Amino acid sequence: LESSQVMEDERFYRYSRFFGVNLGLGTTTFTDNRGLAYVDNDPSYHFSLIYFLDFQTAFVMGLEYSRHTMFIDTFVLGSATQIIGAVQTSFLRPFFGYRYYVDTSDLGTAITYSNPYFVGRIEYWYQTNEFPAADNLDDENGGGLGTGVGFGLEFPIELKKSYFNIEFLYHFVNYFDKFTDDYRQIPDELERDDPDNPGQKLESEYGFQDLRGDSLSIMLNYHISW
């Protein structure tokens, strides 16, 4: 057993990667009401560092950033006297996680060449909402804890030195405004005085009951290792 471990260590030191850096671009989108509300302002940005524990496991930590825009063109509960217009939202998410590379030694050449792996992450989504057209609303800031699960592929450009990486993740996030009703349409039975049209009932044609939804991301990275 000791001899086998020594041989495995020697093989790892000779053939494996030890550290890596990922730089990339991609897209971040959403499901449910949040997905209906947002227009995604691609690209999303990715930066991460990787430490390889052995041939099949690695620790990863990094940052991702994305921007999105929501358009509210009618009166809602959060602004009954002024149409909000555009809501510009940015997400900065630091994360750390764990990768498990699949043992492809007994599989086909194409699968072995792609270096498939599974990944799990713990994330914190810092969120900023800006209201450039609504002077009655201040910027909103908050955060929410999340997890990301998915898989990735790494195609070698130069073995042990550089790779092309593509990663697919599904994120479960507890956004700070997940259950907000600020963007809910004003019910028909409620009446407000519109300064431009006195006595007119203000009814929302569009709105969102809340901003529930999960997130999906696809990142394309250039990986450098040594």
Protein backbone atom coordinates (compact mmCIF):
# COMPACT_ATOMS: atom_id res chain seq x y z
CA LEU A 1 0.00 0.00 0.00
CA GLU A 2 2.82 2.40 0.86
CA SER A 3 4.65 1.58 -2.37
CA SER A 4 1.48 2.14 -4.38
CA GLN A 5 0.95 5.53 -2.70
CA VAL A 6 4.53 6.57 -3.48
CA MET A 7 4.05 5.63 -7.14
CA GLU A 8 0.77 7.58 -7.27
CA ASP A 9 2.43 10.65 -5.73
CA GLU A 10 5.28 10.44 -8.21
CA ARG A 11 2.85 10.16 -11.10
CA PHE A 12 0.90 13.16 -9.80
CA TYR A 13 4.02 15.34 -9.43
CA ARG A 14 5.19 14.37 -12.89
CA TYR A 15 2.01 14.58 -14.94
CA SER A 16 -0.55 16.65 -13.08
CA ARG A 17 -1.38 20.34 -12.89
CA PHE A 18 -0.92 22.06 -9.51
CA PHE A 19 -2.43 25.55 -9.88
CA GLY A 20 -4.58 27.21 -12.50
CA VAL A 21 -6.19 30.52 -13.48
CA ASN A 22 -9.44 30.91 -15.41
CA LEU A 23 -10.34 34.09 -17.31
CA GLY A 24 -13.58 34.09 -19.22
CA LEU A 25 -16.83 35.49 -20.53
CA GLY A 26 -20.29 34.03 -20.64
CA THR A 27 -23.96 34.56 -20.02
CA THR A 28 -26.14 34.62 -16.90
CA THR A 29 -29.91 34.26 -17.13
CA PHE A 30 -32.83 33.49 -14.82
CA THR A 31 -35.98 31.41 -14.50
CA ASP A 32 -39.53 32.13 -13.31
CA ASN A 33 -40.57 35.79 -12.66
CA ARG A 34 -37.00 37.06 -12.48
CA GLY A 35 -36.34 35.54 -15.87
CA LEU A 36 -39.44 37.25 -17.29
CA ALA A 37 -38.44 40.58 -15.78
CA TYR A 38 -34.76 40.76 -16.76
CA VAL A 39 -33.09 41.53 -20.05
CA ASP A 40 -29.57 40.11 -19.71
CA ASN A 41 -26.78 42.56 -20.55
CA ASP A 42 -24.15 40.07 -21.68
CA PRO A 43 -21.36 39.28 -21.30
CA SER A 44 -20.87 38.06 -17.75
CA TYR A 45 -17.28 38.05 -16.47
CA HIS A 46 -15.44 35.23 -14.71
CA PHE A 47 -12.15 35.00 -12.83
CA SER A 48 -11.09 32.05 -10.68
CA LEU A 49 -8.10 30.30 -9.14
CA ILE A 50 -7.80 26.51 -8.94
CA TYR A 51 -5.70 24.33 -6.67
CA PHE A 52 -5.45 20.66 -7.70
CA LEU A 53 -5.43 18.21 -4.79
CA ASP A 54 -4.86 15.16 -7.02
CA PHE A 55 -5.79 13.97 -10.52
CA GLN A 56 -9.52 13.99 -9.81
CA THR A 57 -10.20 16.70 -7.23
CA ALA A 58 -9.58 20.44 -7.14
CA PHE A 59 -10.53 23.42 -5.01
CA VAL A 60 -11.72 26.56 -6.82
CA MET A 61 -12.42 30.13 -5.71
CA GLY A 62 -13.20 33.25 -7.68
CA LEU A 63 -15.54 36.06 -8.76
CA GLU A 64 -18.26 36.50 -11.36
CA TYR A 65 -20.07 39.66 -12.45
CA SER A 66 -23.18 40.22 -14.55
CA ARG A 67 -25.61 43.06 -15.38
CA HIS A 68 -29.32 42.93 -16.18
CA THR A 69 -32.09 45.43 -16.94
CA MET A 70 -35.77 45.36 -16.04
CA PHE A 71 -38.29 47.77 -17.63
CA ILE A 72 -41.31 48.89 -15.61
CA ASP A 73 -43.49 51.04 -17.90
CA THR A 74 -46.57 51.35 -15.70
CA PHE A 75 -47.48 52.27 -12.13
CA VAL A 76 -46.64 49.67 -9.48
CA LEU A 77 -46.92 49.41 -5.71
CA GLY A 78 -43.35 50.60 -5.19
CA SER A 79 -43.98 53.78 -7.18
CA ALA A 80 -47.63 54.74 -7.50
CA THR A 81 -47.08 58.32 -8.73
CA GLN A 82 -44.13 57.92 -11.08
CA ILE A 83 -43.34 55.25 -13.66
CA ILE A 84 -40.06 53.60 -12.68
CA GLY A 85 -38.76 52.93 -16.18
CA ALA A 86 -35.48 51.04 -16.31
CA VAL A 87 -34.12 49.15 -13.30
CA GLN A 88 -30.44 48.37 -13.78
CA THR A 89 -29.29 45.43 -11.67
CA SER A 90 -25.73 44.18 -11.20
CA PHE A 91 -24.59 41.01 -9.43
CA LEU A 92 -21.08 40.51 -8.04
CA ARG A 93 -20.71 36.97 -6.72
CA PRO A 94 -17.62 35.66 -4.93
CA PHE A 95 -17.59 31.88 -4.61
CA PHE A 96 -15.59 28.87 -3.56
CA GLY A 97 -16.20 25.30 -4.59
CA TYR A 98 -15.03 21.82 -5.36
CA ARG A 99 -14.44 20.05 -8.67
CA TYR A 100 -14.45 16.31 -9.25
CA TYR A 101 -12.89 15.17 -12.53
CA VAL A 102 -14.37 11.96 -13.93
CA ASP A 103 -11.97 9.04 -14.38
CA THR A 104 -12.01 8.60 -18.15
CA SER A 105 -9.18 6.06 -18.44
CA ASP A 106 -11.61 3.33 -19.55
CA LEU A 107 -13.73 5.56 -21.79
CA GLY A 108 -13.39 6.69 -25.38
CA THR A 109 -10.71 9.05 -26.67
CA ALA A 110 -13.14 11.92 -27.27
CA ILE A 111 -14.43 11.80 -23.68
CA THR A 112 -10.92 11.49 -22.26
CA TYR A 113 -9.80 14.47 -24.37
CA SER A 114 -12.60 16.69 -22.97
CA ASN A 115 -11.67 16.19 -19.26
CA PRO A 116 -15.28 16.21 -17.93
CA TYR A 117 -15.89 17.22 -14.31
CA PHE A 118 -18.68 17.97 -11.85
CA VAL A 119 -18.62 21.14 -9.76
CA GLY A 120 -20.37 22.41 -6.64
CA ARG A 121 -20.04 25.97 -5.29
CA ILE A 122 -21.07 28.15 -2.36
CA GLU A 123 -21.73 31.72 -3.52
CA TYR A 124 -22.75 35.10 -2.18
CA TRP A 125 -24.63 37.34 -4.62
CA TYR A 126 -24.07 41.06 -3.95
CA GLN A 127 -26.88 42.90 -5.73
CA THR A 128 -27.29 46.58 -6.65
CA ASN A 129 -30.49 48.01 -8.16
CA GLU A 130 -30.30 51.45 -9.77
CA PHE A 131 -33.25 53.57 -10.96
CA PRO A 132 -31.83 56.10 -13.44
CA ALA A 133 -35.24 57.41 -14.56
CA ALA A 134 -37.00 57.50 -11.17
CA ASP A 135 -35.78 60.41 -9.04
CA ASN A 136 -38.04 59.38 -6.15
CA LEU A 137 -36.23 56.08 -5.62
CA ASP A 138 -32.82 55.52 -4.06
CA ASP A 139 -30.44 52.76 -5.15
CA GLU A 140 -30.98 49.42 -3.41
CA ASN A 141 -28.17 47.20 -2.16
CA GLY A 142 -28.32 43.75 -0.65
CA GLY A 143 -27.05 40.23 -0.83
CA GLY A 144 -28.11 36.62 -0.73
CA LEU A 145 -26.44 33.29 -0.15
CA GLY A 146 -26.55 30.76 -2.98
CA THR A 147 -25.26 27.44 -4.23
CA GLY A 148 -24.27 26.42 -7.73
CA VAL A 149 -24.12 22.89 -9.17
CA GLY A 150 -23.18 21.77 -12.64
CA PHE A 151 -20.51 20.31 -14.87
CA GLY A 152 -17.74 21.40 -17.17
CA LEU A 153 -15.35 20.33 -19.93
CA GLU A 154 -11.69 21.23 -20.46
CA PHE A 155 -10.14 20.81 -23.88
CA PRO A 156 -6.32 20.98 -23.91
CA ILE A 157 -4.63 23.56 -26.10
CA GLU A 158 -1.19 22.66 -24.73
CA LEU A 159 -1.11 19.77 -22.25
CA LYS A 160 -0.51 20.82 -18.62
CA LYS A 161 -0.27 24.48 -19.67
CA SER A 162 -3.41 25.85 -21.31
CA TYR A 163 -6.97 24.68 -21.85
CA PHE A 164 -10.29 25.88 -23.23
CA ASN A 165 -12.93 25.48 -20.52
CA ILE A 166 -16.73 25.55 -20.74
CA GLU A 167 -18.81 25.34 -17.56
CA PHE A 168 -22.59 25.02 -17.07
CA LEU A 169 -24.09 25.88 -13.67
CA TYR A 170 -27.54 26.06 -12.11
CA HIS A 171 -27.72 28.48 -9.16
CA PHE A 172 -30.14 28.44 -6.23
CA VAL A 173 -30.02 31.92 -4.69
CA ASN A 174 -31.85 33.62 -1.80
CA TYR A 175 -31.97 37.12 -3.33
CA PHE A 176 -32.72 39.91 -0.88
CA ASP A 177 -35.63 41.09 -3.04
CA LYS A 178 -36.92 37.63 -3.88
CA PHE A 179 -40.36 38.27 -2.35
CA THR A 180 -40.65 42.00 -3.05
CA ASP A 181 -44.02 43.37 -4.14
CA ASP A 182 -42.62 46.72 -5.26
CA TYR A 183 -43.10 45.76 -8.91
CA ARG A 184 -46.60 44.35 -8.46
CA GLN A 185 -49.27 46.03 -10.57
CA ILE A 186 -51.66 48.29 -8.72
CA PRO A 187 -54.96 46.42 -8.28
CA ASP A 188 -57.89 47.73 -10.26
CA GLU A 189 -59.85 48.60 -7.14
CA LEU A 190 -57.16 51.01 -5.93
CA GLU A 191 -57.22 54.55 -7.24
CA ARG A 192 -54.42 57.09 -7.14
CA ASP A 193 -54.26 60.68 -8.34
CA ASP A 194 -51.99 61.00 -11.33
CA PRO A 195 -50.46 64.52 -11.30
CA ASP A 196 -50.71 64.64 -15.10
CA ASN A 197 -54.25 63.22 -15.25
CA PRO A 198 -56.17 64.17 -12.08
CA GLY A 199 -58.84 61.72 -11.01
CA GLN A 200 -57.70 59.00 -13.40
CA LYS A 201 -57.52 55.46 -12.06
CA LEU A 202 -53.96 54.10 -12.30
CA GLU A 203 -54.01 50.48 -13.42
CA SER A 204 -50.95 48.43 -14.19
CA GLU A 205 -50.88 46.65 -17.51
CA TYR A 206 -47.67 44.86 -16.61
CA GLY A 207 -46.03 43.93 -13.35
CA PHE A 208 -44.47 41.14 -11.35
CA GLN A 209 -45.97 39.60 -8.23
CA ASP A 210 -42.45 38.96 -6.90
CA LEU A 211 -38.96 38.26 -8.23
CA ARG A 212 -38.64 34.56 -7.55
CA GLY A 213 -36.41 32.51 -9.79
CA ASP A 214 -33.15 30.62 -10.01
CA SER A 215 -30.19 31.38 -12.25
CA LEU A 216 -28.32 29.58 -15.01
CA SER A 217 -24.86 30.47 -16.27
CA ILE A 218 -22.58 29.35 -19.07
CA MET A 219 -18.96 30.47 -18.92
CA LEU A 220 -16.25 30.12 -21.59
CA ASN A 221 -12.78 30.35 -20.03
CA TYR A 222 -9.17 30.37 -21.05
CA HIS A 223 -7.38 28.24 -18.46
CA ILE A 224 -3.67 28.63 -17.71
CA SER A 225 -2.01 26.11 -15.39
CA TRP A 226 1.41 25.22 -14.09
